[in-house]
Amino acid sequence: MNTTMDSKNRLSKTPYLALPCCLMLLISACQSPSAVTDYDINKDFSSITEFSQGPSQQGIKNDDLTDQRLTAAIARQLQAKGLSLSDNTQSGSHVVVSHFLTTHTKQNNPSFNIGFGTGRISSGSSVGVGVNTSIPVSGRETVEVRVTIDFHQQGKLVWRGYDTFDAKGSDSPQKRQQDIDAAVANILSQYPPGQKGE
């Protein structure tokens, strides 16, 4: 009799034990990075130790504040990773960082088109930061930040990444700064790529 009761008690507790596990999985899924990256698996990213800021490739010419926020956020993230700011573009360990801005309005339409682009610099290596973004006046717009690293000496792209976030015309300057900082940090949290096999 006691065995039967114990069995029933264990079964009755099962849903309560499963609930926390499900919640933890849901929270983990929500916290997963939304940035998308791709890279050359044969590239030794540890050889990249220097960077500089190159000319911006902007789709939006009048949004200088967003441009400045992105430039500063990218520099902070790269320096935090140990890369040094340098003008020695001829060094084999140097990359040049650039970015551009474009906009895509979502409003009430669940689908939207995203255009990508990369900037190349005539000498040295290049890092392209592609950004689909703007500070909207009204409605809702999606801001997509795309980071592209290109080693010009090799003539091919070796790493790229992008992320998206929504912005509203009513967003404060502080909110816009936070969104840009978070997107750039999310992208560059995946640079350099992990160990082989990951």
N, C-alpha and C. Protein backbone atom coordinates (compact mmCIF):
# COMPACT_ATOMS: atom_id res chain seq x y z
N MET A 1 0.83 -1.21 0.00
CA MET A 1 0.00 0.00 0.00
C MET A 1 0.87 1.26 0.00
N ASN A 2 1.90 1.27 0.88
CA ASN A 2 2.79 2.41 0.95
C ASN A 2 3.55 2.61 -0.35
N THR A 3 3.91 1.49 -0.99
CA THR A 3 4.63 1.56 -2.27
C THR A 3 3.78 2.23 -3.32
N THR A 4 2.48 1.91 -3.33
CA THR A 4 1.55 2.51 -4.29
C THR A 4 1.42 4.01 -4.05
N MET A 5 1.32 4.40 -2.78
CA MET A 5 1.19 5.81 -2.45
C MET A 5 2.44 6.59 -2.82
N ASP A 6 3.62 6.01 -2.56
CA ASP A 6 4.88 6.67 -2.91
C ASP A 6 4.98 6.88 -4.40
N SER A 7 4.53 5.87 -5.16
CA SER A 7 4.58 5.97 -6.62
C SER A 7 3.68 7.09 -7.11
N LYS A 8 2.49 7.20 -6.52
CA LYS A 8 1.56 8.26 -6.91
C LYS A 8 2.11 9.63 -6.57
N ASN A 9 2.77 9.74 -5.41
CA ASN A 9 3.34 11.02 -5.01
C ASN A 9 4.43 11.47 -5.96
N ARG A 10 5.27 10.50 -6.38
CA ARG A 10 6.34 10.85 -7.31
C ARG A 10 5.78 11.31 -8.64
N LEU A 11 4.73 10.62 -9.11
CA LEU A 11 4.11 10.99 -10.38
C LEU A 11 3.46 12.36 -10.28
N SER A 12 2.84 12.66 -9.14
CA SER A 12 2.16 13.95 -8.98
C SER A 12 3.13 15.10 -8.95
N LYS A 13 4.39 14.84 -8.54
CA LYS A 13 5.40 15.89 -8.47
C LYS A 13 6.10 16.13 -9.80
N THR A 14 5.97 15.18 -10.71
CA THR A 14 6.69 15.26 -11.98
C THR A 14 6.42 16.55 -12.75
N PRO A 15 5.13 16.98 -12.92
CA PRO A 15 4.89 18.23 -13.66
C PRO A 15 5.55 19.44 -13.01
N TYR A 16 5.62 19.45 -11.66
CA TYR A 16 6.23 20.58 -10.97
C TYR A 16 7.74 20.61 -11.15
N LEU A 17 8.33 19.42 -11.27
CA LEU A 17 9.76 19.35 -11.50
C LEU A 17 10.11 19.73 -12.93
N ALA A 18 9.21 19.39 -13.85
CA ALA A 18 9.46 19.67 -15.26
C ALA A 18 9.31 21.15 -15.58
N LEU A 19 8.43 21.85 -14.84
CA LEU A 19 8.17 23.26 -15.13
C LEU A 19 9.41 24.13 -15.02
N PRO A 20 10.20 24.03 -13.92
CA PRO A 20 11.41 24.86 -13.86
C PRO A 20 12.39 24.57 -14.98
N CYS A 21 12.48 23.29 -15.37
CA CYS A 21 13.39 22.93 -16.47
C CYS A 21 12.96 23.59 -17.77
N CYS A 22 11.65 23.59 -18.03
CA CYS A 22 11.13 24.21 -19.25
C CYS A 22 11.38 25.71 -19.23
N LEU A 23 11.19 26.33 -18.06
CA LEU A 23 11.42 27.77 -17.95
C LEU A 23 12.88 28.12 -18.19
N MET A 24 13.79 27.28 -17.67
CA MET A 24 15.22 27.53 -17.87
C MET A 24 15.60 27.42 -19.33
N LEU A 25 15.02 26.44 -20.03
CA LEU A 25 15.29 26.28 -21.46
C LEU A 25 14.77 27.48 -22.24
N LEU A 26 13.58 27.98 -21.86
CA LEU A 26 12.99 29.12 -22.54
C LEU A 26 13.83 30.37 -22.34
N ILE A 27 14.29 30.59 -21.10
CA ILE A 27 15.13 31.76 -20.81
C ILE A 27 16.43 31.67 -21.56
N SER A 28 17.00 30.48 -21.61
CA SER A 28 18.26 30.28 -22.33
C SER A 28 18.11 30.58 -23.80
N ALA A 29 16.97 30.16 -24.38
CA ALA A 29 16.72 30.42 -25.81
C ALA A 29 16.58 31.90 -26.07
N CYS A 30 15.91 32.62 -25.14
CA CYS A 30 15.72 34.06 -25.33
C CYS A 30 17.04 34.81 -25.22
N GLN A 31 17.99 34.27 -24.46
CA GLN A 31 19.24 34.95 -24.24
C GLN A 31 20.30 34.58 -25.27
N SER A 32 19.97 33.66 -26.18
CA SER A 32 20.94 33.25 -27.19
C SER A 32 21.27 34.41 -28.11
N PRO A 33 22.52 34.56 -28.53
CA PRO A 33 22.90 35.66 -29.41
C PRO A 33 22.11 35.64 -30.70
N SER A 34 21.62 36.81 -31.13
CA SER A 34 20.87 36.89 -32.38
C SER A 34 21.77 37.22 -33.55
N ALA A 35 23.03 37.57 -33.27
CA ALA A 35 23.96 37.91 -34.35
C ALA A 35 24.29 36.68 -35.18
N VAL A 36 24.50 36.91 -36.47
CA VAL A 36 24.86 35.85 -37.41
C VAL A 36 26.26 36.12 -37.92
N THR A 37 27.12 35.12 -37.91
CA THR A 37 28.50 35.30 -38.37
C THR A 37 28.91 34.18 -39.30
N ASP A 38 29.92 34.47 -40.10
CA ASP A 38 30.54 33.46 -40.96
C ASP A 38 32.01 33.85 -41.10
N TYR A 39 32.87 32.87 -41.33
CA TYR A 39 34.30 33.18 -41.40
C TYR A 39 35.08 32.10 -42.13
N ASP A 40 36.29 32.46 -42.53
CA ASP A 40 37.21 31.54 -43.18
C ASP A 40 37.83 30.64 -42.11
N ILE A 41 37.54 29.34 -42.16
CA ILE A 41 38.02 28.43 -41.12
C ILE A 41 39.52 28.22 -41.18
N ASN A 42 40.15 28.64 -42.27
CA ASN A 42 41.60 28.47 -42.41
C ASN A 42 42.39 29.70 -41.97
N LYS A 43 41.67 30.75 -41.56
CA LYS A 43 42.34 31.99 -41.16
C LYS A 43 42.77 31.95 -39.70
N ASP A 44 44.00 32.38 -39.43
CA ASP A 44 44.50 32.51 -38.06
C ASP A 44 44.17 33.91 -37.55
N PHE A 45 43.07 34.04 -36.83
CA PHE A 45 42.62 35.35 -36.37
C PHE A 45 43.48 35.90 -35.25
N SER A 46 44.30 35.06 -34.64
CA SER A 46 45.17 35.55 -33.58
C SER A 46 46.26 36.46 -34.12
N SER A 47 46.46 36.45 -35.44
CA SER A 47 47.48 37.31 -36.05
C SER A 47 47.01 38.75 -36.20
N ILE A 48 45.71 39.00 -36.02
CA ILE A 48 45.16 40.35 -36.13
C ILE A 48 45.30 41.04 -34.77
N THR A 49 46.14 42.07 -34.72
CA THR A 49 46.41 42.76 -33.45
C THR A 49 46.20 44.27 -33.52
N GLU A 50 45.99 44.82 -34.72
CA GLU A 50 45.86 46.26 -34.88
C GLU A 50 44.66 46.60 -35.77
N PHE A 51 44.09 47.77 -35.55
CA PHE A 51 43.01 48.24 -36.42
C PHE A 51 43.05 49.75 -36.50
N SER A 52 42.40 50.28 -37.52
CA SER A 52 42.20 51.72 -37.65
C SER A 52 40.81 51.95 -38.21
N GLN A 53 40.32 53.19 -38.11
CA GLN A 53 38.99 53.53 -38.60
C GLN A 53 39.11 54.10 -40.00
N GLY A 54 38.39 53.50 -40.95
CA GLY A 54 38.42 53.96 -42.33
C GLY A 54 37.21 54.79 -42.68
N PRO A 55 37.14 55.30 -43.91
CA PRO A 55 36.00 56.11 -44.36
C PRO A 55 34.70 55.32 -44.27
N SER A 56 33.63 55.96 -43.81
CA SER A 56 32.34 55.31 -43.70
C SER A 56 31.69 55.14 -45.06
N GLN A 57 31.04 54.01 -45.27
CA GLN A 57 30.23 53.76 -46.46
C GLN A 57 28.78 53.89 -46.02
N GLN A 58 28.20 55.08 -46.17
CA GLN A 58 26.89 55.35 -45.59
C GLN A 58 25.79 55.40 -46.62
N GLY A 59 24.68 54.69 -46.30
CA GLY A 59 23.48 54.80 -47.10
C GLY A 59 22.64 55.97 -46.62
N ILE A 60 22.81 56.33 -45.35
CA ILE A 60 22.12 57.47 -44.77
C ILE A 60 23.15 58.56 -44.50
N LYS A 61 23.06 59.66 -45.25
CA LYS A 61 24.09 60.69 -45.18
C LYS A 61 23.86 61.69 -44.05
N ASN A 62 22.63 61.80 -43.57
CA ASN A 62 22.33 62.87 -42.62
C ASN A 62 22.23 62.40 -41.17
N ASP A 63 22.58 61.14 -40.90
CA ASP A 63 22.47 60.62 -39.55
C ASP A 63 23.84 60.51 -38.91
N ASP A 64 24.48 61.65 -38.72
CA ASP A 64 25.85 61.66 -38.20
C ASP A 64 25.93 61.15 -36.76
N LEU A 65 24.88 61.37 -35.97
CA LEU A 65 24.92 60.92 -34.58
C LEU A 65 24.98 59.40 -34.49
N THR A 66 24.16 58.73 -35.31
CA THR A 66 24.19 57.26 -35.34
C THR A 66 25.55 56.76 -35.82
N ASP A 67 26.09 57.43 -36.82
CA ASP A 67 27.40 57.08 -37.35
C ASP A 67 28.47 57.19 -36.27
N GLN A 68 28.43 58.27 -35.51
CA GLN A 68 29.41 58.47 -34.45
C GLN A 68 29.26 57.43 -33.34
N ARG A 69 28.03 57.09 -33.02
CA ARG A 69 27.80 56.08 -31.97
C ARG A 69 28.35 54.72 -32.39
N LEU A 70 28.13 54.37 -33.65
CA LEU A 70 28.63 53.09 -34.14
C LEU A 70 30.15 53.05 -34.18
N THR A 71 30.75 54.14 -34.67
CA THR A 71 32.21 54.21 -34.74
C THR A 71 32.83 54.02 -33.36
N ALA A 72 32.27 54.72 -32.37
CA ALA A 72 32.80 54.63 -31.01
C ALA A 72 32.57 53.26 -30.40
N ALA A 73 31.37 52.69 -30.64
CA ALA A 73 31.05 51.38 -30.07
C ALA A 73 31.96 50.29 -30.62
N ILE A 74 32.22 50.34 -31.93
CA ILE A 74 33.09 49.34 -32.56
C ILE A 74 34.51 49.46 -32.02
N ALA A 75 35.00 50.69 -31.91
CA ALA A 75 36.36 50.91 -31.40
C ALA A 75 36.49 50.39 -29.97
N ARG A 76 35.49 50.66 -29.14
CA ARG A 76 35.54 50.19 -27.75
C ARG A 76 35.61 48.67 -27.68
N GLN A 77 34.78 48.01 -28.49
CA GLN A 77 34.75 46.55 -28.46
C GLN A 77 36.06 45.94 -28.94
N LEU A 78 36.62 46.49 -30.01
CA LEU A 78 37.87 45.94 -30.54
C LEU A 78 39.03 46.17 -29.57
N GLN A 79 39.06 47.35 -28.96
CA GLN A 79 40.12 47.64 -27.98
C GLN A 79 39.98 46.75 -26.75
N ALA A 80 38.74 46.47 -26.36
CA ALA A 80 38.51 45.59 -25.21
C ALA A 80 39.00 44.17 -25.49
N LYS A 81 39.06 43.82 -26.76
CA LYS A 81 39.55 42.50 -27.16
C LYS A 81 41.06 42.47 -27.34
N GLY A 82 41.70 43.60 -27.07
CA GLY A 82 43.16 43.63 -27.13
C GLY A 82 43.74 44.16 -28.42
N LEU A 83 42.90 44.59 -29.38
CA LEU A 83 43.41 45.17 -30.61
C LEU A 83 43.82 46.62 -30.36
N SER A 84 44.94 47.01 -30.91
CA SER A 84 45.46 48.36 -30.72
C SER A 84 45.10 49.25 -31.90
N LEU A 85 44.74 50.50 -31.60
CA LEU A 85 44.46 51.48 -32.64
C LEU A 85 45.78 51.91 -33.27
N SER A 86 45.89 51.78 -34.59
CA SER A 86 47.15 52.08 -35.27
C SER A 86 46.88 52.55 -36.69
N ASP A 87 47.80 53.36 -37.23
CA ASP A 87 47.69 53.82 -38.61
C ASP A 87 48.60 53.04 -39.55
N ASN A 88 49.24 52.01 -39.05
CA ASN A 88 50.16 51.22 -39.86
C ASN A 88 49.39 50.23 -40.72
N THR A 89 48.77 50.73 -41.79
CA THR A 89 47.91 49.90 -42.61
C THR A 89 48.66 48.86 -43.43
N GLN A 90 49.97 48.98 -43.53
CA GLN A 90 50.75 48.03 -44.32
C GLN A 90 51.14 46.79 -43.51
N SER A 91 50.90 46.82 -42.22
CA SER A 91 51.24 45.68 -41.37
C SER A 91 50.35 44.49 -41.68
N GLY A 92 50.91 43.31 -41.67
CA GLY A 92 50.13 42.11 -41.93
C GLY A 92 49.16 41.78 -40.81
N SER A 93 49.32 42.43 -39.67
CA SER A 93 48.43 42.18 -38.53
C SER A 93 47.38 43.28 -38.37
N HIS A 94 47.29 44.16 -39.38
CA HIS A 94 46.43 45.35 -39.30
C HIS A 94 45.15 45.18 -40.12
N VAL A 95 44.05 45.70 -39.61
CA VAL A 95 42.79 45.75 -40.35
C VAL A 95 42.22 47.16 -40.25
N VAL A 96 41.53 47.58 -41.30
CA VAL A 96 40.92 48.91 -41.34
C VAL A 96 39.41 48.76 -41.18
N VAL A 97 38.83 49.47 -40.23
CA VAL A 97 37.41 49.35 -39.93
C VAL A 97 36.60 50.45 -40.61
N SER A 98 35.55 50.09 -41.30
CA SER A 98 34.64 51.08 -41.91
C SER A 98 33.21 50.61 -41.71
N HIS A 99 32.25 51.52 -41.90
CA HIS A 99 30.85 51.13 -41.77
C HIS A 99 29.96 52.01 -42.63
N PHE A 100 28.76 51.52 -42.90
CA PHE A 100 27.78 52.31 -43.65
C PHE A 100 26.41 52.14 -43.02
N LEU A 101 25.50 53.06 -43.32
CA LEU A 101 24.17 53.07 -42.73
C LEU A 101 23.10 53.05 -43.81
N THR A 102 22.10 52.20 -43.63
CA THR A 102 20.91 52.20 -44.49
C THR A 102 19.69 51.94 -43.61
N THR A 103 18.48 52.14 -44.16
CA THR A 103 17.26 51.96 -43.37
C THR A 103 16.27 51.05 -44.08
N HIS A 104 15.48 50.36 -43.27
CA HIS A 104 14.38 49.54 -43.78
C HIS A 104 13.21 49.67 -42.80
N THR A 105 12.06 50.11 -43.29
CA THR A 105 10.90 50.34 -42.44
C THR A 105 10.04 49.09 -42.33
N LYS A 106 9.70 48.69 -41.10
CA LYS A 106 8.85 47.54 -40.88
C LYS A 106 7.38 47.95 -40.82
N GLN A 107 7.07 48.96 -39.99
CA GLN A 107 5.71 49.41 -39.73
C GLN A 107 4.83 48.20 -39.39
N ASN A 108 3.72 48.00 -40.12
CA ASN A 108 2.82 46.89 -39.81
C ASN A 108 3.07 45.67 -40.68
N ASN A 109 4.06 45.76 -41.55
CA ASN A 109 4.36 44.65 -42.44
C ASN A 109 5.36 43.72 -41.76
N PRO A 110 4.99 42.42 -41.57
CA PRO A 110 5.90 41.52 -40.87
C PRO A 110 7.13 41.16 -41.66
N SER A 111 7.13 41.44 -42.96
CA SER A 111 8.30 41.11 -43.77
C SER A 111 8.97 42.39 -44.24
N PHE A 112 10.28 42.31 -44.44
CA PHE A 112 11.01 43.47 -44.92
C PHE A 112 12.25 43.00 -45.65
N ASN A 113 12.78 43.86 -46.50
CA ASN A 113 13.97 43.52 -47.26
C ASN A 113 15.19 44.16 -46.65
N ILE A 114 16.30 43.42 -46.68
CA ILE A 114 17.55 43.92 -46.13
C ILE A 114 18.60 43.91 -47.22
N GLY A 115 19.28 45.03 -47.41
CA GLY A 115 20.35 45.09 -48.39
C GLY A 115 21.69 45.12 -47.70
N PHE A 116 22.63 44.35 -48.24
CA PHE A 116 23.96 44.31 -47.64
C PHE A 116 24.97 44.96 -48.55
N GLY A 117 26.08 45.37 -47.96
CA GLY A 117 27.17 45.93 -48.74
C GLY A 117 28.43 45.91 -47.93
N THR A 118 29.56 45.93 -48.60
CA THR A 118 30.83 45.98 -47.88
C THR A 118 31.69 47.07 -48.48
N GLY A 119 32.51 47.68 -47.64
CA GLY A 119 33.41 48.71 -48.11
C GLY A 119 34.81 48.15 -48.24
N ARG A 120 35.51 48.50 -49.32
CA ARG A 120 36.89 48.08 -49.50
C ARG A 120 37.78 49.31 -49.57
N ILE A 121 38.95 49.16 -49.06
CA ILE A 121 39.93 50.25 -49.06
C ILE A 121 41.09 49.82 -49.92
N SER A 122 41.63 50.74 -50.71
CA SER A 122 42.60 50.40 -51.75
C SER A 122 43.88 49.78 -51.22
N SER A 123 44.31 50.16 -50.02
CA SER A 123 45.55 49.60 -49.49
C SER A 123 45.32 49.02 -48.12
N GLY A 124 46.11 48.04 -47.76
CA GLY A 124 45.99 47.42 -46.46
C GLY A 124 44.82 46.47 -46.39
N SER A 125 44.61 45.92 -45.20
CA SER A 125 43.46 45.05 -44.97
C SER A 125 42.27 45.94 -44.69
N SER A 126 41.08 45.35 -44.72
CA SER A 126 39.92 46.16 -44.38
C SER A 126 38.93 45.39 -43.55
N VAL A 127 38.27 46.10 -42.67
CA VAL A 127 37.18 45.58 -41.88
C VAL A 127 35.96 46.39 -42.25
N GLY A 128 34.95 45.78 -42.82
CA GLY A 128 33.75 46.50 -43.19
C GLY A 128 32.68 46.30 -42.15
N VAL A 129 32.10 47.36 -41.66
CA VAL A 129 30.99 47.27 -40.74
C VAL A 129 29.75 47.72 -41.48
N GLY A 130 28.92 46.79 -41.89
CA GLY A 130 27.73 47.12 -42.63
C GLY A 130 26.58 47.35 -41.68
N VAL A 131 25.91 48.46 -41.80
CA VAL A 131 24.85 48.78 -40.88
C VAL A 131 23.60 49.20 -41.63
N ASN A 132 22.52 48.45 -41.45
CA ASN A 132 21.23 48.88 -41.94
C ASN A 132 20.55 49.58 -40.77
N THR A 133 20.55 50.89 -40.74
CA THR A 133 20.04 51.59 -39.57
C THR A 133 19.59 53.00 -39.90
N SER A 134 18.84 53.57 -39.01
CA SER A 134 18.52 54.99 -39.03
C SER A 134 17.81 55.30 -37.73
N ILE A 135 17.63 56.58 -37.48
CA ILE A 135 16.79 57.00 -36.37
C ILE A 135 15.46 57.41 -36.99
N PRO A 136 14.43 56.57 -36.88
CA PRO A 136 13.17 56.84 -37.56
C PRO A 136 12.44 58.05 -36.99
N VAL A 137 11.66 58.70 -37.84
CA VAL A 137 10.86 59.84 -37.42
C VAL A 137 9.53 59.36 -36.86
N SER A 138 8.95 58.33 -37.48
CA SER A 138 7.68 57.79 -37.01
C SER A 138 7.60 56.32 -37.38
N GLY A 139 6.62 55.61 -36.82
CA GLY A 139 6.46 54.20 -37.11
C GLY A 139 7.57 53.38 -36.50
N ARG A 140 7.82 52.22 -37.10
CA ARG A 140 8.85 51.32 -36.61
C ARG A 140 9.82 51.00 -37.73
N GLU A 141 11.11 50.97 -37.40
CA GLU A 141 12.13 50.59 -38.37
C GLU A 141 13.08 49.59 -37.75
N THR A 142 13.57 48.70 -38.57
CA THR A 142 14.54 47.72 -38.10
C THR A 142 15.94 48.18 -38.44
N VAL A 143 16.81 48.13 -37.47
CA VAL A 143 18.19 48.51 -37.65
C VAL A 143 19.03 47.25 -37.68
N GLU A 144 19.72 47.02 -38.76
CA GLU A 144 20.59 45.85 -38.86
C GLU A 144 22.05 46.28 -38.95
N VAL A 145 22.83 45.81 -38.01
CA VAL A 145 24.25 46.10 -37.97
C VAL A 145 24.99 44.89 -38.51
N ARG A 146 25.76 45.10 -39.56
CA ARG A 146 26.52 44.00 -40.15
C ARG A 146 28.01 44.33 -40.15
N VAL A 147 28.79 43.52 -39.48
CA VAL A 147 30.23 43.71 -39.41
C VAL A 147 30.90 42.76 -40.39
N THR A 148 31.72 43.31 -41.28
CA THR A 148 32.43 42.49 -42.26
C THR A 148 33.92 42.78 -42.20
N ILE A 149 34.71 41.76 -41.98
CA ILE A 149 36.17 41.92 -41.94
C ILE A 149 36.75 41.38 -43.24
N ASP A 150 37.51 42.22 -43.92
CA ASP A 150 38.09 41.83 -45.21
C ASP A 150 39.59 42.11 -45.23
N PHE A 151 40.37 41.07 -45.44
CA PHE A 151 41.81 41.26 -45.59
C PHE A 151 42.10 41.51 -47.06
N HIS A 152 42.41 42.76 -47.39
CA HIS A 152 42.62 43.14 -48.78
C HIS A 152 43.82 42.43 -49.41
N GLN A 153 44.82 42.08 -48.62
CA GLN A 153 46.00 41.42 -49.17
C GLN A 153 45.64 40.06 -49.75
N GLN A 154 44.70 39.44 -49.13
CA GLN A 154 44.28 38.12 -49.58
C GLN A 154 43.18 38.20 -50.63
N GLY A 155 42.57 39.35 -50.75
CA GLY A 155 41.51 39.55 -51.74
C GLY A 155 40.23 38.80 -51.45
N LYS A 156 40.01 38.41 -50.21
CA LYS A 156 38.78 37.70 -49.89
C LYS A 156 38.31 38.04 -48.48
N LEU A 157 37.03 37.85 -48.28
CA LEU A 157 36.40 38.08 -46.98
C LEU A 157 36.73 36.91 -46.05
N VAL A 158 37.11 37.20 -44.80
CA VAL A 158 37.45 36.12 -43.88
C VAL A 158 36.53 36.04 -42.66
N TRP A 159 35.79 37.11 -42.35
CA TRP A 159 34.85 37.08 -41.22
C TRP A 159 33.76 38.12 -41.43
N ARG A 160 32.54 37.75 -41.09
CA ARG A 160 31.44 38.71 -41.17
C ARG A 160 30.39 38.38 -40.12
N GLY A 161 29.66 39.40 -39.74
CA GLY A 161 28.59 39.20 -38.79
C GLY A 161 27.59 40.34 -38.84
N TYR A 162 26.34 40.07 -38.46
CA TYR A 162 25.33 41.14 -38.40
C TYR A 162 24.29 40.83 -37.33
N ASP A 163 23.63 41.87 -36.90
CA ASP A 163 22.58 41.75 -35.89
C ASP A 163 21.50 42.78 -36.19
N THR A 164 20.31 42.61 -35.63
CA THR A 164 19.20 43.53 -35.87
C THR A 164 18.57 43.96 -34.55
N PHE A 165 17.98 45.14 -34.57
CA PHE A 165 17.13 45.57 -33.45
C PHE A 165 16.14 46.59 -33.96
N ASP A 166 15.01 46.71 -33.26
CA ASP A 166 13.96 47.65 -33.64
C ASP A 166 14.18 49.01 -32.97
N ALA A 167 13.89 50.07 -33.71
CA ALA A 167 13.98 51.43 -33.18
C ALA A 167 12.70 52.19 -33.50
N LYS A 168 12.32 53.09 -32.61
CA LYS A 168 11.14 53.93 -32.80
C LYS A 168 11.55 55.40 -32.81
N GLY A 169 10.72 56.20 -33.47
CA GLY A 169 10.99 57.63 -33.51
C GLY A 169 10.94 58.27 -32.15
N SER A 170 10.22 57.64 -31.22
CA SER A 170 10.10 58.19 -29.87
C SER A 170 11.26 57.78 -28.96
N ASP A 171 12.17 56.95 -29.44
CA ASP A 171 13.30 56.52 -28.62
C ASP A 171 14.17 57.70 -28.22
N SER A 172 14.60 57.72 -26.98
CA SER A 172 15.49 58.78 -26.50
C SER A 172 16.90 58.54 -27.02
N PRO A 173 17.75 59.58 -27.01
CA PRO A 173 19.15 59.38 -27.41
C PRO A 173 19.84 58.30 -26.58
N GLN A 174 19.49 58.22 -25.29
CA GLN A 174 20.08 57.21 -24.43
C GLN A 174 19.68 55.80 -24.87
N LYS A 175 18.40 55.64 -25.26
CA LYS A 175 17.92 54.33 -25.73
C LYS A 175 18.60 53.95 -27.04
N ARG A 176 18.77 54.91 -27.93
CA ARG A 176 19.44 54.63 -29.20
C ARG A 176 20.88 54.21 -28.97
N GLN A 177 21.54 54.90 -28.04
CA GLN A 177 22.93 54.55 -27.71
C GLN A 177 23.00 53.12 -27.16
N GLN A 178 22.07 52.78 -26.27
CA GLN A 178 22.05 51.45 -25.67
C GLN A 178 21.82 50.37 -26.73
N ASP A 179 20.90 50.63 -27.66
CA ASP A 179 20.60 49.65 -28.71
C ASP A 179 21.81 49.41 -29.60
N ILE A 180 22.48 50.49 -29.99
CA ILE A 180 23.66 50.36 -30.84
C ILE A 180 24.79 49.64 -30.11
N ASP A 181 25.03 50.03 -28.86
CA ASP A 181 26.07 49.38 -28.07
C ASP A 181 25.81 47.89 -27.93
N ALA A 182 24.53 47.54 -27.67
CA ALA A 182 24.18 46.13 -27.48
C ALA A 182 24.35 45.33 -28.76
N ALA A 183 23.95 45.91 -29.90
CA ALA A 183 24.07 45.21 -31.18
C ALA A 183 25.53 44.98 -31.54
N VAL A 184 26.36 46.01 -31.39
CA VAL A 184 27.78 45.88 -31.72
C VAL A 184 28.45 44.87 -30.79
N ALA A 185 28.11 44.94 -29.50
CA ALA A 185 28.69 44.00 -28.53
C ALA A 185 28.27 42.57 -28.85
N ASN A 186 27.01 42.39 -29.26
CA ASN A 186 26.51 41.07 -29.59
C ASN A 186 27.24 40.48 -30.79
N ILE A 187 27.46 41.30 -31.79
CA ILE A 187 28.18 40.84 -32.99
C ILE A 187 29.62 40.48 -32.64
N LEU A 188 30.31 41.42 -32.01
CA LEU A 188 31.73 41.23 -31.77
C LEU A 188 32.02 40.28 -30.61
N SER A 189 30.98 39.86 -29.89
CA SER A 189 31.18 38.83 -28.87
C SER A 189 31.54 37.51 -29.52
N GLN A 190 31.25 37.40 -30.81
CA GLN A 190 31.55 36.18 -31.55
C GLN A 190 32.84 36.31 -32.37
N TYR A 191 33.58 37.38 -32.13
CA TYR A 191 34.89 37.56 -32.77
C TYR A 191 35.97 37.62 -31.70
N PRO A 192 37.10 36.93 -31.88
CA PRO A 192 37.38 36.03 -33.00
C PRO A 192 36.61 34.72 -32.88
N PRO A 193 36.53 33.95 -33.96
CA PRO A 193 35.81 32.68 -33.91
C PRO A 193 36.41 31.75 -32.86
N GLY A 194 35.59 30.78 -32.40
CA GLY A 194 36.05 29.85 -31.38
C GLY A 194 37.03 28.83 -31.91
N GLN A 195 37.31 27.86 -31.06
CA GLN A 195 38.26 26.82 -31.43
C GLN A 195 37.69 25.97 -32.55
N LYS A 196 38.56 25.29 -33.28
CA LYS A 196 38.14 24.42 -34.37
C LYS A 196 37.21 23.35 -33.80
N GLY A 197 36.14 23.11 -34.58
CA GLY A 197 35.19 22.09 -34.16
C GLY A 197 33.98 22.67 -33.45
N GLU A 198 34.06 23.97 -33.07
CA GLU A 198 32.92 24.61 -32.41
C GLU A 198 31.90 25.05 -33.44
